[in-house]
Amino acid sequence: YYCAAYYSGGVYCSSFAVHYDYWGQGTQV
């Protein structure tokens, strides 16, 4: 599982990985 982030000026969130600029290292579940 990874968390990710991107800068946004909007009110919604994207479900598309390509929009995310920053990623964590991941954690196994």
Full PDB file with SEQRES, HELIX, SHEET, SSBOND, CRYST1, ORIGX, SCALE, CONECT and MASTER records, all heavy atoms in Angstrom:
SEQRES   1 A   29  TYR TYR CYS ALA ALA TYR TYR SER GLY GLY VAL TYR CYS          
SEQRES   2 A   29  SER SER PHE ALA VAL HIS TYR ASP TYR TRP GLY GLN GLY          
SEQRES   3 A   29  THR GLN VAL                                                  
HELIX    1 AA1 ALA A   17  HIS A   19  5                                   3    
SHEET    1 AA1 2 ALA A   4  ALA A   5  0                                        
SHEET    2 AA1 2 TYR A  22  TRP A  23 -1                                        
CRYST1    1.000    1.000    1.000  90.00  90.00  90.00 P 1           1          
ORIGX1      1.000000  0.000000  0.000000        0.00000                         
ORIGX2      0.000000  1.000000  0.000000        0.00000                         
ORIGX3      0.000000  0.000000  1.000000        0.00000                         
SCALE1      1.000000  0.000000  0.000000        0.00000                         
SCALE2      0.000000  1.000000  0.000000        0.00000                         
SCALE3      0.000000  0.000000  1.000000        0.00000                         
ATOM      1  N   TYR A   1       0.842  -1.194   0.000  1.00  0.00           N  
ATOM      2  CA  TYR A   1       0.000   0.000   0.000  1.00  0.00           C  
ATOM      3  C   TYR A   1       0.879   1.246   0.000  1.00  0.00           C  
ATOM      4  O   TYR A   1       1.842   1.347   0.776  1.00  0.00           O  
ATOM      5  CB  TYR A   1      -0.918  -0.001   1.217  1.00  0.00           C  
ATOM      6  CG  TYR A   1      -2.081  -0.936   1.072  1.00  0.00           C  
ATOM      7  CD1 TYR A   1      -1.901  -2.319   1.102  1.00  0.00           C  
ATOM      8  CD2 TYR A   1      -3.374  -0.453   0.870  1.00  0.00           C  
ATOM      9  CE1 TYR A   1      -2.960  -3.195   0.944  1.00  0.00           C  
ATOM     10  CE2 TYR A   1      -4.450  -1.317   0.718  1.00  0.00           C  
ATOM     11  CZ  TYR A   1      -4.234  -2.685   0.752  1.00  0.00           C  
ATOM     12  OH  TYR A   1      -5.302  -3.531   0.599  1.00  0.00           O  
ATOM     13  N   TYR A   2       0.507   2.179  -0.843  1.00  0.00           N  
ATOM     14  CA  TYR A   2       1.239   3.430  -0.982  1.00  0.00           C  
ATOM     15  C   TYR A   2       0.313   4.616  -0.729  1.00  0.00           C  
ATOM     16  O   TYR A   2      -0.840   4.594  -1.149  1.00  0.00           O  
ATOM     17  CB  TYR A   2       1.798   3.589  -2.394  1.00  0.00           C  
ATOM     18  CG  TYR A   2       2.763   2.528  -2.836  1.00  0.00           C  
ATOM     19  CD1 TYR A   2       2.311   1.348  -3.443  1.00  0.00           C  
ATOM     20  CD2 TYR A   2       4.137   2.695  -2.676  1.00  0.00           C  
ATOM     21  CE1 TYR A   2       3.193   0.373  -3.852  1.00  0.00           C  
ATOM     22  CE2 TYR A   2       5.029   1.725  -3.093  1.00  0.00           C  
ATOM     23  CZ  TYR A   2       4.547   0.567  -3.679  1.00  0.00           C  
ATOM     24  OH  TYR A   2       5.437  -0.394  -4.097  1.00  0.00           O  
ATOM     25  N   CYS A   3       0.829   5.621  -0.088  1.00  0.00           N  
ATOM     26  CA  CYS A   3       0.121   6.884  -0.098  1.00  0.00           C  
ATOM     27  C   CYS A   3       0.854   7.824  -1.061  1.00  0.00           C  
ATOM     28  O   CYS A   3       2.053   7.667  -1.315  1.00  0.00           O  
ATOM     29  CB  CYS A   3       0.003   7.501   1.287  1.00  0.00           C  
ATOM     30  SG  CYS A   3       1.538   8.038   2.054  1.00  0.00           S  
ATOM     31  N   ALA A   4       0.098   8.760  -1.598  1.00  0.00           N  
ATOM     32  CA  ALA A   4       0.634   9.673  -2.595  1.00  0.00           C  
ATOM     33  C   ALA A   4      -0.045  11.029  -2.439  1.00  0.00           C  
ATOM     34  O   ALA A   4      -1.105  11.131  -1.801  1.00  0.00           O  
ATOM     35  CB  ALA A   4       0.421   9.113  -3.993  1.00  0.00           C  
ATOM     36  N   ALA A   5       0.559  12.041  -3.044  1.00  0.00           N  
ATOM     37  CA  ALA A   5       0.016  13.390  -2.904  1.00  0.00           C  
ATOM     38  C   ALA A   5       0.261  14.208  -4.160  1.00  0.00           C  
ATOM     39  O   ALA A   5       1.210  13.961  -4.912  1.00  0.00           O  
ATOM     40  CB  ALA A   5       0.650  14.095  -1.700  1.00  0.00           C  
ATOM     41  N   TYR A   6      -0.619  15.176  -4.387  1.00  0.00           N  
ATOM     42  CA  TYR A   6      -0.371  16.175  -5.421  1.00  0.00           C  
ATOM     43  C   TYR A   6      -0.998  17.486  -4.994  1.00  0.00           C  
ATOM     44  O   TYR A   6      -1.983  17.515  -4.242  1.00  0.00           O  
ATOM     45  CB  TYR A   6      -0.894  15.745  -6.793  1.00  0.00           C  
ATOM     46  CG  TYR A   6      -2.383  15.663  -6.949  1.00  0.00           C  
ATOM     47  CD1 TYR A   6      -3.134  16.760  -7.373  1.00  0.00           C  
ATOM     48  CD2 TYR A   6      -3.059  14.469  -6.709  1.00  0.00           C  
ATOM     49  CE1 TYR A   6      -4.504  16.681  -7.528  1.00  0.00           C  
ATOM     50  CE2 TYR A   6      -4.434  14.380  -6.864  1.00  0.00           C  
ATOM     51  CZ  TYR A   6      -5.151  15.479  -7.277  1.00  0.00           C  
ATOM     52  OH  TYR A   6      -6.523  15.396  -7.430  1.00  0.00           O  
ATOM     53  N   TYR A   7      -0.388  18.565  -5.479  1.00  0.00           N  
ATOM     54  CA  TYR A   7      -0.882  19.907  -5.177  1.00  0.00           C  
ATOM     55  C   TYR A   7      -2.169  20.141  -5.951  1.00  0.00           C  
ATOM     56  O   TYR A   7      -2.261  19.831  -7.141  1.00  0.00           O  
ATOM     57  CB  TYR A   7       0.157  20.955  -5.558  1.00  0.00           C  
ATOM     58  CG  TYR A   7      -0.304  22.370  -5.295  1.00  0.00           C  
ATOM     59  CD1 TYR A   7      -0.096  22.950  -4.053  1.00  0.00           C  
ATOM     60  CD2 TYR A   7      -0.944  23.115  -6.284  1.00  0.00           C  
ATOM     61  CE1 TYR A   7      -0.526  24.244  -3.799  1.00  0.00           C  
ATOM     62  CE2 TYR A   7      -1.375  24.403  -6.040  1.00  0.00           C  
ATOM     63  CZ  TYR A   7      -1.166  24.962  -4.797  1.00  0.00           C  
ATOM     64  OH  TYR A   7      -1.593  26.236  -4.548  1.00  0.00           O  
ATOM     65  N   SER A   8      -3.166  20.709  -5.275  1.00  0.00           N  
ATOM     66  CA  SER A   8      -4.450  20.940  -5.934  1.00  0.00           C  
ATOM     67  C   SER A   8      -5.061  22.263  -5.511  1.00  0.00           C  
ATOM     68  O   SER A   8      -4.984  22.646  -4.342  1.00  0.00           O  
ATOM     69  CB  SER A   8      -5.417  19.799  -5.598  1.00  0.00           C  
ATOM     70  OG  SER A   8      -6.714  20.078  -6.103  1.00  0.00           O  
ATOM     71  N   GLY A   9      -5.687  22.924  -6.481  1.00  0.00           N  
ATOM     72  CA  GLY A   9      -6.463  24.121  -6.178  1.00  0.00           C  
ATOM     73  C   GLY A   9      -7.948  23.840  -6.214  1.00  0.00           C  
ATOM     74  O   GLY A   9      -8.756  24.766  -6.064  1.00  0.00           O  
ATOM     75  N   GLY A  10      -8.302  22.565  -6.393  1.00  0.00           N  
ATOM     76  CA  GLY A  10      -9.698  22.188  -6.530  1.00  0.00           C  
ATOM     77  C   GLY A  10     -10.292  21.602  -5.262  1.00  0.00           C  
ATOM     78  O   GLY A  10      -9.653  21.558  -4.217  1.00  0.00           O  
ATOM     79  N   VAL A  11     -11.510  21.118  -5.376  1.00  0.00           N  
ATOM     80  CA  VAL A  11     -12.243  20.610  -4.211  1.00  0.00           C  
ATOM     81  C   VAL A  11     -12.389  19.096  -4.228  1.00  0.00           C  
ATOM     82  O   VAL A  11     -12.865  18.516  -3.251  1.00  0.00           O  
ATOM     83  CB  VAL A  11     -13.631  21.261  -4.106  1.00  0.00           C  
ATOM     84  CG1 VAL A  11     -13.503  22.768  -3.922  1.00  0.00           C  
ATOM     85  CG2 VAL A  11     -14.483  20.933  -5.327  1.00  0.00           C  
ATOM     86  N   TYR A  12     -11.978  18.456  -5.313  1.00  0.00           N  
ATOM     87  CA  TYR A  12     -12.119  17.012  -5.406  1.00  0.00           C  
ATOM     88  C   TYR A  12     -10.741  16.346  -5.388  1.00  0.00           C  
ATOM     89  O   TYR A  12      -9.721  17.018  -5.254  1.00  0.00           O  
ATOM     90  CB  TYR A  12     -12.885  16.656  -6.680  1.00  0.00           C  
ATOM     91  CG  TYR A  12     -14.289  17.201  -6.686  1.00  0.00           C  
ATOM     92  CD1 TYR A  12     -14.622  18.312  -7.468  1.00  0.00           C  
ATOM     93  CD2 TYR A  12     -15.269  16.643  -5.886  1.00  0.00           C  
ATOM     94  CE1 TYR A  12     -15.907  18.837  -7.458  1.00  0.00           C  
ATOM     95  CE2 TYR A  12     -16.563  17.165  -5.865  1.00  0.00           C  
ATOM     96  CZ  TYR A  12     -16.867  18.263  -6.657  1.00  0.00           C  
ATOM     97  OH  TYR A  12     -18.141  18.781  -6.627  1.00  0.00           O  
ATOM     98  N   CYS A  13     -10.749  15.024  -5.503  1.00  0.00           N  
ATOM     99  CA  CYS A  13      -9.492  14.293  -5.554  1.00  0.00           C  
ATOM    100  C   CYS A  13      -9.512  13.370  -6.761  1.00  0.00           C  
ATOM    101  O   CYS A  13     -10.575  12.956  -7.223  1.00  0.00           O  
ATOM    102  CB  CYS A  13      -9.259  13.496  -4.265  1.00  0.00           C  
ATOM    103  SG  CYS A  13     -10.521  12.249  -3.892  1.00  0.00           S  
ATOM    104  N   SER A  14      -8.347  13.068  -7.255  1.00  0.00           N  
ATOM    105  CA  SER A  14      -8.212  12.224  -8.433  1.00  0.00           C  
ATOM    106  C   SER A  14      -7.927  10.788  -8.041  1.00  0.00           C  
ATOM    107  O   SER A  14      -7.194  10.524  -7.088  1.00  0.00           O  
ATOM    108  CB  SER A  14      -7.072  12.733  -9.321  1.00  0.00           C  
ATOM    109  OG  SER A  14      -6.805  11.816 -10.357  1.00  0.00           O  
ATOM    110  N   SER A  15      -8.489   9.864  -8.815  1.00  0.00           N  
ATOM    111  CA  SER A  15      -8.231   8.441  -8.614  1.00  0.00           C  
ATOM    112  C   SER A  15      -7.149   7.916  -9.542  1.00  0.00           C  
ATOM    113  O   SER A  15      -6.909   6.706  -9.577  1.00  0.00           O  
ATOM    114  CB  SER A  15      -9.522   7.653  -8.835  1.00  0.00           C  
ATOM    115  OG  SER A  15     -10.512   8.024  -7.898  1.00  0.00           O  
ATOM    116  N   PHE A  16      -6.513   8.803 -10.280  1.00  0.00           N  
ATOM    117  CA  PHE A  16      -5.533   8.391 -11.267  1.00  0.00           C  
ATOM    118  C   PHE A  16      -4.115   8.605 -10.750  1.00  0.00           C  
ATOM    119  O   PHE A  16      -3.736   9.719 -10.409  1.00  0.00           O  
ATOM    120  CB  PHE A  16      -5.737   9.146 -12.577  1.00  0.00           C  
ATOM    121  CG  PHE A  16      -7.068   8.861 -13.218  1.00  0.00           C  
ATOM    122  CD1 PHE A  16      -8.134   9.726 -13.052  1.00  0.00           C  
ATOM    123  CD2 PHE A  16      -7.249   7.709 -13.963  1.00  0.00           C  
ATOM    124  CE1 PHE A  16      -9.361   9.456 -13.633  1.00  0.00           C  
ATOM    125  CE2 PHE A  16      -8.469   7.427 -14.550  1.00  0.00           C  
ATOM    126  CZ  PHE A  16      -9.535   8.304 -14.390  1.00  0.00           C  
ATOM    127  N   ALA A  17      -3.346   7.542 -10.722  1.00  0.00           N  
ATOM    128  CA  ALA A  17      -1.993   7.598 -10.186  1.00  0.00           C  
ATOM    129  C   ALA A  17      -1.124   8.618 -10.917  1.00  0.00           C  
ATOM    130  O   ALA A  17      -0.233   9.222 -10.311  1.00  0.00           O  
ATOM    131  CB  ALA A  17      -1.347   6.213 -10.248  1.00  0.00           C  
ATOM    132  N   VAL A  18      -1.384   8.818 -12.176  1.00  0.00           N  
ATOM    133  CA  VAL A  18      -0.558   9.721 -12.976  1.00  0.00           C  
ATOM    134  C   VAL A  18      -0.631  11.159 -12.470  1.00  0.00           C  
ATOM    135  O   VAL A  18       0.272  11.961 -12.724  1.00  0.00           O  
ATOM    136  CB  VAL A  18      -0.964   9.648 -14.458  1.00  0.00           C  
ATOM    137  CG1 VAL A  18      -2.364  10.220 -14.666  1.00  0.00           C  
ATOM    138  CG2 VAL A  18       0.035  10.338 -15.346  1.00  0.00           C  
ATOM    139  N   HIS A  19      -1.663  11.492 -11.744  1.00  0.00           N  
ATOM    140  CA  HIS A  19      -1.800  12.857 -11.229  1.00  0.00           C  
ATOM    141  C   HIS A  19      -0.962  13.104  -9.973  1.00  0.00           C  
ATOM    142  O   HIS A  19      -0.787  14.253  -9.570  1.00  0.00           O  
ATOM    143  CB  HIS A  19      -3.269  13.158 -10.920  1.00  0.00           C  
ATOM    144  CG  HIS A  19      -4.121  13.237 -12.143  1.00  0.00           C  
ATOM    145  ND1 HIS A  19      -5.489  13.045 -12.130  1.00  0.00           N  
ATOM    146  CD2 HIS A  19      -3.797  13.464 -13.439  1.00  0.00           C  
ATOM    147  CE1 HIS A  19      -5.965  13.172 -13.354  1.00  0.00           C  
ATOM    148  NE2 HIS A  19      -4.957  13.427 -14.173  1.00  0.00           N  
ATOM    149  N   TYR A  20      -0.483  12.065  -9.368  1.00  0.00           N  
ATOM    150  CA  TYR A  20       0.211  12.193  -8.091  1.00  0.00           C  
ATOM    151  C   TYR A  20       1.710  12.364  -8.301  1.00  0.00           C  
ATOM    152  O   TYR A  20       2.341  11.597  -9.026  1.00  0.00           O  
ATOM    153  CB  TYR A  20      -0.085  10.975  -7.211  1.00  0.00           C  
ATOM    154  CG  TYR A  20      -1.514  10.971  -6.723  1.00  0.00           C  
ATOM    155  CD1 TYR A  20      -2.561  10.570  -7.546  1.00  0.00           C  
ATOM    156  CD2 TYR A  20      -1.821  11.408  -5.436  1.00  0.00           C  
ATOM    157  CE1 TYR A  20      -3.876  10.602  -7.111  1.00  0.00           C  
ATOM    158  CE2 TYR A  20      -3.130  11.426  -4.977  1.00  0.00           C  
ATOM    159  CZ  TYR A  20      -4.153  11.029  -5.830  1.00  0.00           C  
ATOM    160  OH  TYR A  20      -5.459  11.059  -5.381  1.00  0.00           O  
ATOM    161  N   ASP A  21       2.253  13.360  -7.636  1.00  0.00           N  
ATOM    162  CA  ASP A  21       3.660  13.710  -7.818  1.00  0.00           C  
ATOM    163  C   ASP A  21       4.573  13.162  -6.726  1.00  0.00           C  
ATOM    164  O   ASP A  21       5.779  13.056  -6.927  1.00  0.00           O  
ATOM    165  CB  ASP A  21       3.811  15.241  -7.854  1.00  0.00           C  
ATOM    166  CG  ASP A  21       3.040  15.869  -9.004  1.00  0.00           C  
ATOM    167  OD1 ASP A  21       3.203  15.364 -10.136  1.00  0.00           O  
ATOM    168  OD2 ASP A  21       2.294  16.831  -8.767  1.00  0.00           O  
ATOM    169  N   TYR A  22       4.010  12.890  -5.580  1.00  0.00           N  
ATOM    170  CA  TYR A  22       4.823  12.465  -4.439  1.00  0.00           C  
ATOM    171  C   TYR A  22       4.294  11.123  -3.935  1.00  0.00           C  
ATOM    172  O   TYR A  22       3.080  10.943  -3.797  1.00  0.00           O  
ATOM    173  CB  TYR A  22       4.771  13.507  -3.313  1.00  0.00           C  
ATOM    174  CG  TYR A  22       5.201  14.871  -3.752  1.00  0.00           C  
ATOM    175  CD1 TYR A  22       4.262  15.821  -4.162  1.00  0.00           C  
ATOM    176  CD2 TYR A  22       6.549  15.223  -3.778  1.00  0.00           C  
ATOM    177  CE1 TYR A  22       4.647  17.076  -4.578  1.00  0.00           C  
ATOM    178  CE2 TYR A  22       6.946  16.480  -4.198  1.00  0.00           C  
ATOM    179  CZ  TYR A  22       5.998  17.394  -4.597  1.00  0.00           C  
ATOM    180  OH  TYR A  22       6.392  18.641  -5.017  1.00  0.00           O  
ATOM    181  N   TRP A  23       5.213  10.225  -3.648  1.00  0.00           N  
ATOM    182  CA  TRP A  23       4.851   8.872  -3.238  1.00  0.00           C  
ATOM    183  C   TRP A  23       5.655   8.455  -2.016  1.00  0.00           C  
ATOM    184  O   TRP A  23       6.830   8.805  -1.877  1.00  0.00           O  
ATOM    185  CB  TRP A  23       5.117   7.884  -4.375  1.00  0.00           C  
ATOM    186  CG  TRP A  23       4.200   8.077  -5.535  1.00  0.00           C  
ATOM    187  CD1 TRP A  23       4.319   8.991  -6.548  1.00  0.00           C  
ATOM    188  CD2 TRP A  23       2.995   7.353  -5.793  1.00  0.00           C  
ATOM    189  NE1 TRP A  23       3.264   8.877  -7.414  1.00  0.00           N  
ATOM    190  CE2 TRP A  23       2.443   7.871  -6.987  1.00  0.00           C  
ATOM    191  CE3 TRP A  23       2.335   6.308  -5.150  1.00  0.00           C  
ATOM    192  CZ2 TRP A  23       1.248   7.392  -7.532  1.00  0.00           C  
ATOM    193  CZ3 TRP A  23       1.158   5.826  -5.691  1.00  0.00           C  
ATOM    194  CH2 TRP A  23       0.623   6.366  -6.861  1.00  0.00           C  
ATOM    195  N   GLY A  24       5.000   7.681  -1.155  1.00  0.00           N  
ATOM    196  CA  GLY A  24       5.706   7.064  -0.047  1.00  0.00           C  
ATOM    197  C   GLY A  24       6.411   5.799  -0.506  1.00  0.00           C  
ATOM    198  O   GLY A  24       6.317   5.402  -1.675  1.00  0.00           O  
ATOM    199  N   GLN A  25       7.076   5.143   0.416  1.00  0.00           N  
ATOM    200  CA  GLN A  25       7.875   3.970   0.090  1.00  0.00           C  
ATOM    201  C   GLN A  25       7.048   2.692   0.061  1.00  0.00           C  
ATOM    202  O   GLN A  25       7.508   1.667  -0.447  1.00  0.00           O  
ATOM    203  CB  GLN A  25       9.019   3.809   1.101  1.00  0.00           C  
ATOM    204  CG  GLN A  25       8.642   3.137   2.419  1.00  0.00           C  
ATOM    205  CD  GLN A  25       7.801   4.001   3.332  1.00  0.00           C  
ATOM    206  OE1 GLN A  25       7.559   5.186   3.069  1.00  0.00           O  
ATOM    207  NE2 GLN A  25       7.349   3.411   4.440  1.00  0.00           N  
ATOM    208  N   GLY A  26       5.850   2.751   0.590  1.00  0.00           N  
ATOM    209  CA  GLY A  26       4.971   1.584   0.597  1.00  0.00           C  
ATOM    210  C   GLY A  26       5.071   0.787   1.878  1.00  0.00           C  
ATOM    211  O   GLY A  26       6.115   0.774   2.541  1.00  0.00           O  
ATOM    212  N   THR A  27       3.975   0.125   2.218  1.00  0.00           N  
ATOM    213  CA  THR A  27       3.957  -0.749   3.386  1.00  0.00           C  
ATOM    214  C   THR A  27       3.155  -2.003   3.031  1.00  0.00           C  
ATOM    215  O   THR A  27       2.110  -1.926   2.388  1.00  0.00           O  
ATOM    216  CB  THR A  27       3.364  -0.036   4.614  1.00  0.00           C  
ATOM    217  OG1 THR A  27       3.470  -0.873   5.762  1.00  0.00           O  
ATOM    218  CG2 THR A  27       1.904   0.353   4.409  1.00  0.00           C  
ATOM    219  N   GLN A  28       3.670  -3.145   3.414  1.00  0.00           N  
ATOM    220  CA  GLN A  28       3.061  -4.425   3.041  1.00  0.00           C  
ATOM    221  C   GLN A  28       1.891  -4.744   3.955  1.00  0.00           C  
ATOM    222  O   GLN A  28       1.991  -4.641   5.188  1.00  0.00           O  
ATOM    223  CB  GLN A  28       4.093  -5.542   3.132  1.00  0.00           C  
ATOM    224  CG  GLN A  28       3.554  -6.929   2.839  1.00  0.00           C  
ATOM    225  CD  GLN A  28       3.203  -7.131   1.376  1.00  0.00           C  
ATOM    226  OE1 GLN A  28       3.971  -6.763   0.484  1.00  0.00           O  
ATOM    227  NE2 GLN A  28       2.055  -7.735   1.119  1.00  0.00           N  
ATOM    228  N   VAL A  29       0.798  -5.162   3.334  1.00  0.00           N  
ATOM    229  CA  VAL A  29      -0.366  -5.680   4.058  1.00  0.00           C  
ATOM    230  C   VAL A  29      -0.618  -7.098   3.551  1.00  0.00           C  
ATOM    231  O   VAL A  29      -0.759  -7.307   2.353  1.00  0.00           O  
ATOM    232  CB  VAL A  29      -1.608  -4.802   3.835  1.00  0.00           C  
ATOM    233  CG1 VAL A  29      -2.846  -5.470   4.409  1.00  0.00           C  
ATOM    234  CG2 VAL A  29      -1.396  -3.426   4.454  1.00  0.00           C  
TER     235      VAL A  29                                                      
MASTER        0    0    0    1    2    0    0    6  234    1    0    3          
END                                                                             
